Amino acid sequence: MSLPGVALQYLLRGTAENKLYAPSKKAYDHLKAAVSGGPFIVFTRYHEAGVTNIRSHQYAAPKPCKRVLGYDANALYLSTMLKDMPCGKEEVTDYEDPVNAVPLIQKAVLSGKLFGFVKCKLTTPRHLWPKFEEMPPLFVSREVPEAAVPQEMLDYLIQAGRKRTAVKKLLGVFEADDILLYTPLLQWYLEHGLELKAVYTTIEYRPEKCLAWFVKPAVWVTLTRRKPYLQRSSNYLEKVVTER
């Protein structure tokens, strides 16, 4: 018995009214193979207002750090639940000519007529590399060959007494082939200049906001859990204002 377990049972109970569909083996294999996890990235290890500079490695006259802000983003899952979800029974289509399929699929994705997943080849044009310097836009799970490991890291492994293992790593890259992307994400990529080079397979679903009913009580739980923190923050701000 756990809170996530109870939430899942409650969620499925409300969703069952709209019928639940299991994906076909073909669709399942595509979706399962595409699971790669998400990045956890430290862009700058230390910043201090009025002391450090922003991107000092990149610009001759970098801007000084004036303020450091922290954001509580604990309701991102709830925000996604208000969006369209893949519903109904899927339709899987393989394309014999992946390159010639690009114009049709790109138009359908940008217009919102195609909703689901697209297995494709996507590239970032060279002139956009500086824009994505700190975080490449595409993420893939791949095994890294030793030839691609910097010598500094190989030296560190020796000093630390660690051995390199042949396991897959989550990589941020500028180009990815045979990658399965959710169409809202693919649409964002295309709108920001990435280029679709080939389309191998599409898994099409019916878009529907099937989880919106779950959000209102979940928001209430979130706000209730945050009350003590909000009260402490309010008391701290009141104290600061009073002292000044």
C-alpha atoms as a PDB file:
ATOM      1  CA  MET A   1       0.000   0.000   0.000  1.00  0.00           C
ATOM      2  CA  SER A   2       1.473   3.329  -1.048  1.00  0.00           C
ATOM      3  CA  LEU A   3       0.301   6.777  -2.132  1.00  0.00           C
ATOM      4  CA  PRO A   4       1.384   6.187  -5.771  1.00  0.00           C
ATOM      5  CA  GLY A   5      -0.413   2.833  -5.725  1.00  0.00           C
ATOM      6  CA  VAL A   6      -3.641   4.347  -4.388  1.00  0.00           C
ATOM      7  CA  ALA A   7      -3.403   7.191  -6.918  1.00  0.00           C
ATOM      8  CA  LEU A   8      -2.976   4.679  -9.763  1.00  0.00           C
ATOM      9  CA  GLN A   9      -6.056   2.688  -8.679  1.00  0.00           C
ATOM     10  CA  TYR A  10      -8.081   5.900  -8.401  1.00  0.00           C
ATOM     11  CA  LEU A  11      -6.853   7.054 -11.810  1.00  0.00           C
ATOM     12  CA  LEU A  12      -7.664   3.769 -13.549  1.00  0.00           C
ATOM     13  CA  ARG A  13     -11.099   3.657 -11.939  1.00  0.00           C
ATOM     14  CA  GLY A  14     -12.039   6.936 -13.610  1.00  0.00           C
ATOM     15  CA  THR A  15     -10.346   6.109 -16.900  1.00  0.00           C
ATOM     16  CA  ALA A  16     -12.049   2.731 -17.323  1.00  0.00           C
ATOM     17  CA  GLU A  17     -15.256   4.471 -18.406  1.00  0.00           C
ATOM     18  CA  ASN A  18     -13.511   5.522 -21.626  1.00  0.00           C
ATOM     19  CA  LYS A  19     -12.227   1.944 -22.220  1.00  0.00           C
ATOM     20  CA  LEU A  20      -8.604   0.945 -21.880  1.00  0.00           C
ATOM     21  CA  TYR A  21      -6.730  -0.518 -24.835  1.00  0.00           C
ATOM     22  CA  ALA A  22      -3.583  -2.608 -24.755  1.00  0.00           C
ATOM     23  CA  PRO A  23      -1.177  -1.766 -27.597  1.00  0.00           C
ATOM     24  CA  SER A  24      -0.443  -4.396 -30.214  1.00  0.00           C
ATOM     25  CA  LYS A  25       2.878  -6.240 -29.912  1.00  0.00           C
ATOM     26  CA  LYS A  26       4.307  -4.144 -32.752  1.00  0.00           C
ATOM     27  CA  ALA A  27       3.314  -0.845 -31.136  1.00  0.00           C
ATOM     28  CA  TYR A  28       4.443  -2.047 -27.689  1.00  0.00           C
ATOM     29  CA  ASP A  29       7.882  -3.050 -28.994  1.00  0.00           C
ATOM     30  CA  HIS A  30       8.356   0.404 -30.572  1.00  0.00           C
ATOM     31  CA  LEU A  31       7.215   2.241 -27.430  1.00  0.00           C
ATOM     32  CA  LYS A  32       9.177   0.047 -24.999  1.00  0.00           C
ATOM     33  CA  ALA A  33      12.404   0.362 -26.983  1.00  0.00           C
ATOM     34  CA  ALA A  34      12.047   4.156 -27.005  1.00  0.00           C
ATOM     35  CA  VAL A  35      12.116   4.518 -23.193  1.00  0.00           C
ATOM     36  CA  SER A  36      15.380   6.261 -22.342  1.00  0.00           C
ATOM     37  CA  GLY A  37      14.826   8.283 -19.156  1.00  0.00           C
ATOM     38  CA  GLY A  38      15.378  12.001 -18.741  1.00  0.00           C
ATOM     39  CA  PRO A  39      18.389  14.261 -18.230  1.00  0.00           C
ATOM     40  CA  PHE A  40      19.560  15.641 -14.905  1.00  0.00           C
ATOM     41  CA  ILE A  41      21.912  18.468 -15.797  1.00  0.00           C
ATOM     42  CA  VAL A  42      23.922  20.942 -13.739  1.00  0.00           C
ATOM     43  CA  PHE A  43      24.492  23.916 -16.035  1.00  0.00           C
ATOM     44  CA  THR A  44      26.544  25.977 -13.569  1.00  0.00           C
ATOM     45  CA  ARG A  45      27.853  24.525 -10.332  1.00  0.00           C
ATOM     46  CA  TYR A  46      28.232  27.839  -8.538  1.00  0.00           C
ATOM     47  CA  HIS A  47      26.720  31.273  -8.986  1.00  0.00           C
ATOM     48  CA  GLU A  48      26.736  34.234  -6.619  1.00  0.00           C
ATOM     49  CA  ALA A  49      24.975  37.525  -7.236  1.00  0.00           C
ATOM     50  CA  GLY A  50      27.430  40.324  -7.920  1.00  0.00           C
ATOM     51  CA  VAL A  51      30.411  37.961  -7.959  1.00  0.00           C
ATOM     52  CA  THR A  52      30.261  35.407 -10.787  1.00  0.00           C
ATOM     53  CA  ASN A  53      29.648  35.985 -14.490  1.00  0.00           C
ATOM     54  CA  ILE A  54      27.187  34.307 -16.862  1.00  0.00           C
ATOM     55  CA  ARG A  55      28.776  32.221 -19.632  1.00  0.00           C
ATOM     56  CA  SER A  56      32.236  33.600 -18.959  1.00  0.00           C
ATOM     57  CA  HIS A  57      33.673  30.768 -21.081  1.00  0.00           C
ATOM     58  CA  GLN A  58      31.785  31.967 -24.164  1.00  0.00           C
ATOM     59  CA  TYR A  59      31.796  35.764 -24.236  1.00  0.00           C
ATOM     60  CA  ALA A  60      34.672  38.250 -23.983  1.00  0.00           C
ATOM     61  CA  ALA A  61      32.503  40.558 -21.843  1.00  0.00           C
ATOM     62  CA  PRO A  62      30.051  38.244 -20.036  1.00  0.00           C
ATOM     63  CA  LYS A  63      27.118  39.656 -18.091  1.00  0.00           C
ATOM     64  CA  PRO A  64      27.385  39.570 -14.286  1.00  0.00           C
ATOM     65  CA  CYS A  65      25.027  37.403 -12.266  1.00  0.00           C
ATOM     66  CA  LYS A  66      22.612  39.817 -10.553  1.00  0.00           C
ATOM     67  CA  ARG A  67      20.178  37.444  -8.883  1.00  0.00           C
ATOM     68  CA  VAL A  68      19.696  33.715  -8.229  1.00  0.00           C
ATOM     69  CA  LEU A  69      16.130  32.423  -8.316  1.00  0.00           C
ATOM     70  CA  GLY A  70      14.693  29.049  -7.333  1.00  0.00           C
ATOM     71  CA  TYR A  71      11.392  27.683  -8.636  1.00  0.00           C
ATOM     72  CA  ASP A  72       9.130  25.036  -7.145  1.00  0.00           C
ATOM     73  CA  ALA A  73       7.862  23.011 -10.118  1.00  0.00           C
ATOM     74  CA  ASN A  74       6.022  20.272  -8.240  1.00  0.00           C
ATOM     75  CA  ALA A  75       2.846  20.374 -10.377  1.00  0.00           C
ATOM     76  CA  LEU A  76       4.346  19.655 -13.794  1.00  0.00           C
ATOM     77  CA  TYR A  77       2.736  16.203 -13.912  1.00  0.00           C
ATOM     78  CA  LEU A  78      -0.656  17.773 -13.271  1.00  0.00           C
ATOM     79  CA  SER A  79      -0.141  20.287 -16.075  1.00  0.00           C
ATOM     80  CA  THR A  80       0.574  17.470 -18.530  1.00  0.00           C
ATOM     81  CA  MET A  81      -2.584  15.645 -17.409  1.00  0.00           C
ATOM     82  CA  LEU A  82      -4.635  18.584 -18.693  1.00  0.00           C
ATOM     83  CA  LYS A  83      -3.285  18.052 -22.198  1.00  0.00           C
ATOM     84  CA  ASP A  84      -4.382  15.649 -24.925  1.00  0.00           C
ATOM     85  CA  MET A  85      -3.405  12.030 -24.314  1.00  0.00           C
ATOM     86  CA  PRO A  86      -3.039   9.111 -26.766  1.00  0.00           C
ATOM     87  CA  CYS A  87      -6.438   7.403 -26.610  1.00  0.00           C
ATOM     88  CA  GLY A  88      -8.264   4.662 -28.463  1.00  0.00           C
ATOM     89  CA  LYS A  89      -6.734   1.814 -30.447  1.00  0.00           C
ATOM     90  CA  GLU A  90      -3.513   2.717 -32.222  1.00  0.00           C
ATOM     91  CA  GLU A  91      -2.852   2.544 -35.952  1.00  0.00           C
ATOM     92  CA  VAL A  92       0.704   1.573 -36.908  1.00  0.00           C
ATOM     93  CA  THR A  93       2.024   2.518 -40.357  1.00  0.00           C
ATOM     94  CA  ASP A  94       5.437   1.613 -41.786  1.00  0.00           C
ATOM     95  CA  TYR A  95       6.836   3.622 -44.694  1.00  0.00           C
ATOM     96  CA  GLU A  96       8.728   1.859 -47.488  1.00  0.00           C
ATOM     97  CA  ASP A  97      10.353   5.115 -48.614  1.00  0.00           C
ATOM     98  CA  PRO A  98      11.293   6.996 -45.397  1.00  0.00           C
ATOM     99  CA  VAL A  99      12.690  10.052 -47.215  1.00  0.00           C
ATOM    100  CA  ASN A 100       9.677  10.630 -49.477  1.00  0.00           C
ATOM    101  CA  ALA A 101       7.359  10.274 -46.472  1.00  0.00           C
ATOM    102  CA  VAL A 102       8.882  13.365 -44.823  1.00  0.00           C
ATOM    103  CA  PRO A 103       6.795  16.165 -46.477  1.00  0.00           C
ATOM    104  CA  LEU A 104       3.471  14.431 -45.755  1.00  0.00           C
ATOM    105  CA  ILE A 105       4.257  13.574 -42.128  1.00  0.00           C
ATOM    106  CA  GLN A 106       5.880  16.939 -41.384  1.00  0.00           C
ATOM    107  CA  LYS A 107       2.797  18.778 -42.645  1.00  0.00           C
ATOM    108  CA  ALA A 108       0.502  16.511 -40.608  1.00  0.00           C
ATOM    109  CA  VAL A 109       2.553  16.989 -37.410  1.00  0.00           C
ATOM    110  CA  LEU A 110       2.791  20.784 -37.744  1.00  0.00           C
ATOM    111  CA  SER A 111      -0.952  21.101 -38.426  1.00  0.00           C
ATOM    112  CA  GLY A 112      -1.866  18.783 -35.550  1.00  0.00           C
ATOM    113  CA  LYS A 113      -3.630  16.287 -37.827  1.00  0.00           C
ATOM    114  CA  LEU A 114      -1.254  13.498 -36.816  1.00  0.00           C
ATOM    115  CA  PHE A 115      -1.253  12.698 -33.092  1.00  0.00           C
ATOM    116  CA  GLY A 116       0.778   9.919 -31.547  1.00  0.00           C
ATOM    117  CA  PHE A 117       4.369   8.883 -32.173  1.00  0.00           C
ATOM    118  CA  VAL A 118       6.767   9.100 -35.117  1.00  0.00           C
ATOM    119  CA  LYS A 119       9.911   7.005 -35.535  1.00  0.00           C
ATOM    120  CA  CYS A 120      12.233   9.159 -37.581  1.00  0.00           C
ATOM    121  CA  LYS A 121      15.613  10.709 -38.235  1.00  0.00           C
ATOM    122  CA  LEU A 122      15.987  14.261 -36.925  1.00  0.00           C
ATOM    123  CA  THR A 123      18.931  16.639 -37.223  1.00  0.00           C
ATOM    124  CA  THR A 124      19.899  20.035 -35.833  1.00  0.00           C
ATOM    125  CA  PRO A 125      21.290  22.402 -38.522  1.00  0.00           C
ATOM    126  CA  ARG A 126      24.815  23.602 -37.814  1.00  0.00           C
ATOM    127  CA  HIS A 127      23.771  27.241 -37.424  1.00  0.00           C
ATOM    128  CA  LEU A 128      21.518  26.252 -34.489  1.00  0.00           C
ATOM    129  CA  TRP A 129      24.259  24.523 -32.506  1.00  0.00           C
ATOM    130  CA  PRO A 130      25.132  27.690 -30.507  1.00  0.00           C
ATOM    131  CA  LYS A 131      21.460  28.034 -29.531  1.00  0.00           C
ATOM    132  CA  PHE A 132      21.497  24.547 -27.992  1.00  0.00           C
ATOM    133  CA  GLU A 133      25.063  24.780 -26.698  1.00  0.00           C
ATOM    134  CA  GLU A 134      24.240  24.131 -23.062  1.00  0.00           C
ATOM    135  CA  MET A 135      21.733  21.354 -23.702  1.00  0.00           C
ATOM    136  CA  PRO A 136      21.511  19.483 -27.021  1.00  0.00           C
ATOM    137  CA  PRO A 137      17.834  19.083 -27.964  1.00  0.00           C
ATOM    138  CA  LEU A 138      17.724  15.315 -28.578  1.00  0.00           C
ATOM    139  CA  PHE A 139      18.250  12.525 -26.053  1.00  0.00           C
ATOM    140  CA  VAL A 140      19.098   8.931 -26.877  1.00  0.00           C
ATOM    141  CA  SER A 141      20.232   5.900 -24.905  1.00  0.00           C
ATOM    142  CA  ARG A 142      23.366   4.559 -26.586  1.00  0.00           C
ATOM    143  CA  GLU A 143      26.537   2.678 -25.725  1.00  0.00           C
ATOM    144  CA  VAL A 144      29.544   5.031 -25.780  1.00  0.00           C
ATOM    145  CA  PRO A 145      32.642   3.612 -27.532  1.00  0.00           C
ATOM    146  CA  GLU A 146      35.939   4.127 -25.730  1.00  0.00           C
ATOM    147  CA  ALA A 147      37.242   6.181 -28.671  1.00  0.00           C
ATOM    148  CA  ALA A 148      34.617   8.824 -27.849  1.00  0.00           C
ATOM    149  CA  VAL A 149      35.617   9.141 -24.179  1.00  0.00           C
ATOM    150  CA  PRO A 150      37.922  12.141 -23.434  1.00  0.00           C
ATOM    151  CA  GLN A 151      41.382  11.243 -22.201  1.00  0.00           C
ATOM    152  CA  GLU A 152      40.775  13.258 -19.013  1.00  0.00           C
ATOM    153  CA  MET A 153      37.897  10.947 -18.094  1.00  0.00           C
ATOM    154  CA  LEU A 154      39.929   7.811 -18.870  1.00  0.00           C
ATOM    155  CA  ASP A 155      42.729   9.143 -16.631  1.00  0.00           C
ATOM    156  CA  TYR A 156      40.208   9.859 -13.865  1.00  0.00           C
ATOM    157  CA  LEU A 157      38.856   6.290 -14.018  1.00  0.00           C
ATOM    158  CA  ILE A 158      42.397   4.955 -13.576  1.00  0.00           C
ATOM    159  CA  GLN A 159      43.102   7.293 -10.632  1.00  0.00           C
ATOM    160  CA  ALA A 160      39.793   6.370  -8.978  1.00  0.00           C
ATOM    161  CA  GLY A 161      40.387   2.664  -9.481  1.00  0.00           C
ATOM    162  CA  ARG A 162      37.255   2.279 -11.551  1.00  0.00           C
ATOM    163  CA  LYS A 163      36.720   0.243 -14.694  1.00  0.00           C
ATOM    164  CA  ARG A 164      34.809   1.292 -17.765  1.00  0.00           C
ATOM    165  CA  THR A 165      31.746  -0.877 -18.381  1.00  0.00           C
ATOM    166  CA  ALA A 166      29.987  -1.373 -21.698  1.00  0.00           C
ATOM    167  CA  VAL A 167      26.567  -0.032 -20.703  1.00  0.00           C
ATOM    168  CA  LYS A 168      24.170   2.369 -22.372  1.00  0.00           C
ATOM    169  CA  LYS A 169      24.246   6.015 -21.332  1.00  0.00           C
ATOM    170  CA  LEU A 170      21.739   8.815 -21.801  1.00  0.00           C
ATOM    171  CA  LEU A 171      23.300  11.166 -24.339  1.00  0.00           C
ATOM    172  CA  GLY A 172      22.374  14.658 -25.476  1.00  0.00           C
ATOM    173  CA  VAL A 173      22.947  14.842 -29.240  1.00  0.00           C
ATOM    174  CA  PHE A 174      22.339  17.087 -32.243  1.00  0.00           C
ATOM    175  CA  GLU A 175      21.230  14.248 -34.522  1.00  0.00           C
ATOM    176  CA  ALA A 176      19.288  11.067 -33.864  1.00  0.00           C
ATOM    177  CA  ASP A 177      18.284   8.284 -36.230  1.00  0.00           C
ATOM    178  CA  ASP A 178      15.561   5.707 -35.579  1.00  0.00           C
ATOM    179  CA  ILE A 179      14.232   7.753 -32.640  1.00  0.00           C
ATOM    180  CA  LEU A 180      10.570   7.531 -31.574  1.00  0.00           C
ATOM    181  CA  LEU A 181       9.119  10.954 -30.683  1.00  0.00           C
ATOM    182  CA  TYR A 182       5.771  12.068 -29.293  1.00  0.00           C
ATOM    183  CA  THR A 183       4.167  14.322 -31.912  1.00  0.00           C
ATOM    184  CA  PRO A 184       3.737  17.409 -29.643  1.00  0.00           C
ATOM    185  CA  LEU A 185       7.488  17.231 -28.944  1.00  0.00           C
ATOM    186  CA  LEU A 186       8.308  16.632 -32.608  1.00  0.00           C
ATOM    187  CA  GLN A 187       6.151  19.642 -33.493  1.00  0.00           C
ATOM    188  CA  TRP A 188       8.173  21.784 -31.061  1.00  0.00           C
ATOM    189  CA  TYR A 189      11.426  20.571 -32.614  1.00  0.00           C
ATOM    190  CA  LEU A 190      10.264  21.395 -36.133  1.00  0.00           C
ATOM    191  CA  GLU A 191       8.989  24.835 -35.107  1.00  0.00           C
ATOM    192  CA  HIS A 192      12.406  25.581 -33.581  1.00  0.00           C
ATOM    193  CA  GLY A 193      14.366  24.738 -36.705  1.00  0.00           C
ATOM    194  CA  LEU A 194      15.273  21.049 -36.451  1.00  0.00           C
ATOM    195  CA  GLU A 195      15.023  19.145 -39.735  1.00  0.00           C
ATOM    196  CA  LEU A 196      13.099  15.933 -40.359  1.00  0.00           C
ATOM    197  CA  LYS A 197      15.212  13.724 -42.646  1.00  0.00           C
ATOM    198  CA  ALA A 198      13.348  10.395 -42.682  1.00  0.00           C
ATOM    199  CA  VAL A 199      10.143   8.827 -41.351  1.00  0.00           C
ATOM    200  CA  TYR A 200      10.111   5.070 -40.712  1.00  0.00           C
ATOM    201  CA  THR A 201       6.951   4.416 -38.681  1.00  0.00           C
ATOM    202  CA  THR A 202       3.978   6.292 -37.246  1.00  0.00           C
ATOM    203  CA  ILE A 203       1.785   5.145 -34.351  1.00  0.00           C
ATOM    204  CA  GLU A 204      -1.392   7.193 -34.528  1.00  0.00           C
ATOM    205  CA  TYR A 205      -3.871   7.698 -31.679  1.00  0.00           C
ATOM    206  CA  ARG A 206      -6.989   9.736 -31.020  1.00  0.00           C
ATOM    207  CA  PRO A 207      -6.178  12.859 -28.933  1.00  0.00           C
ATOM    208  CA  GLU A 208      -8.387  13.294 -25.880  1.00  0.00           C
ATOM    209  CA  LYS A 209      -8.128  15.064 -22.514  1.00  0.00           C
ATOM    210  CA  CYS A 210      -9.029  11.866 -20.664  1.00  0.00           C
ATOM    211  CA  LEU A 211      -7.284  12.711 -17.356  1.00  0.00           C
ATOM    212  CA  ALA A 212      -8.566  16.248 -16.802  1.00  0.00           C
ATOM    213  CA  TRP A 213     -11.087  14.987 -14.223  1.00  0.00           C
ATOM    214  CA  PHE A 214      -8.180  13.782 -12.051  1.00  0.00           C
ATOM    215  CA  VAL A 215      -6.435  17.153 -11.832  1.00  0.00           C
ATOM    216  CA  LYS A 216      -8.764  19.109  -9.512  1.00  0.00           C
ATOM    217  CA  PRO A 217      -8.547  16.754  -6.476  1.00  0.00           C
ATOM    218  CA  ALA A 218      -4.823  16.241  -7.152  1.00  0.00           C
ATOM    219  CA  VAL A 219      -4.249  20.018  -7.088  1.00  0.00           C
ATOM    220  CA  TRP A 220      -6.054  20.159  -3.744  1.00  0.00           C
ATOM    221  CA  VAL A 221      -3.692  17.475  -2.369  1.00  0.00           C
ATOM    222  CA  THR A 222      -0.659  19.366  -3.725  1.00  0.00           C
ATOM    223  CA  LEU A 223      -1.736  22.679  -2.196  1.00  0.00           C
ATOM    224  CA  THR A 224      -2.519  21.003   1.133  1.00  0.00           C
ATOM    225  CA  ARG A 225       0.950  19.432   1.239  1.00  0.00           C
ATOM    226  CA  ARG A 226       2.545  22.815   0.469  1.00  0.00           C
ATOM    227  CA  LYS A 227       0.622  24.767   3.145  1.00  0.00           C
ATOM    228  CA  PRO A 228       3.286  24.450   5.866  1.00  0.00           C
ATOM    229  CA  TYR A 229       6.001  25.578   3.430  1.00  0.00           C
ATOM    230  CA  LEU A 230       3.914  28.508   2.189  1.00  0.00           C
ATOM    231  CA  GLN A 231       3.177  29.558   5.768  1.00  0.00           C
ATOM    232  CA  ARG A 232       6.872  29.471   6.699  1.00  0.00           C
ATOM    233  CA  SER A 233       7.730  31.505   3.597  1.00  0.00           C
ATOM    234  CA  SER A 234       5.032  34.056   4.451  1.00  0.00           C
ATOM    235  CA  ASN A 235       6.280  34.365   8.037  1.00  0.00           C
ATOM    236  CA  TYR A 236       9.877  34.820   6.816  1.00  0.00           C
ATOM    237  CA  LEU A 237       8.914  37.548   4.351  1.00  0.00           C
ATOM    238  CA  GLU A 238       6.858  39.328   7.011  1.00  0.00           C
ATOM    239  CA  LYS A 239       9.844  39.242   9.374  1.00  0.00           C
ATOM    240  CA  VAL A 240      12.193  40.644   6.707  1.00  0.00           C
ATOM    241  CA  VAL A 241       9.804  43.483   5.849  1.00  0.00           C
ATOM    242  CA  THR A 242       9.341  44.314   9.547  1.00  0.00           C
ATOM    243  CA  GLU A 243      13.075  44.411  10.221  1.00  0.00           C
ATOM    244  CA  ARG A 244      13.652  46.729   7.269  1.00  0.00           C
END
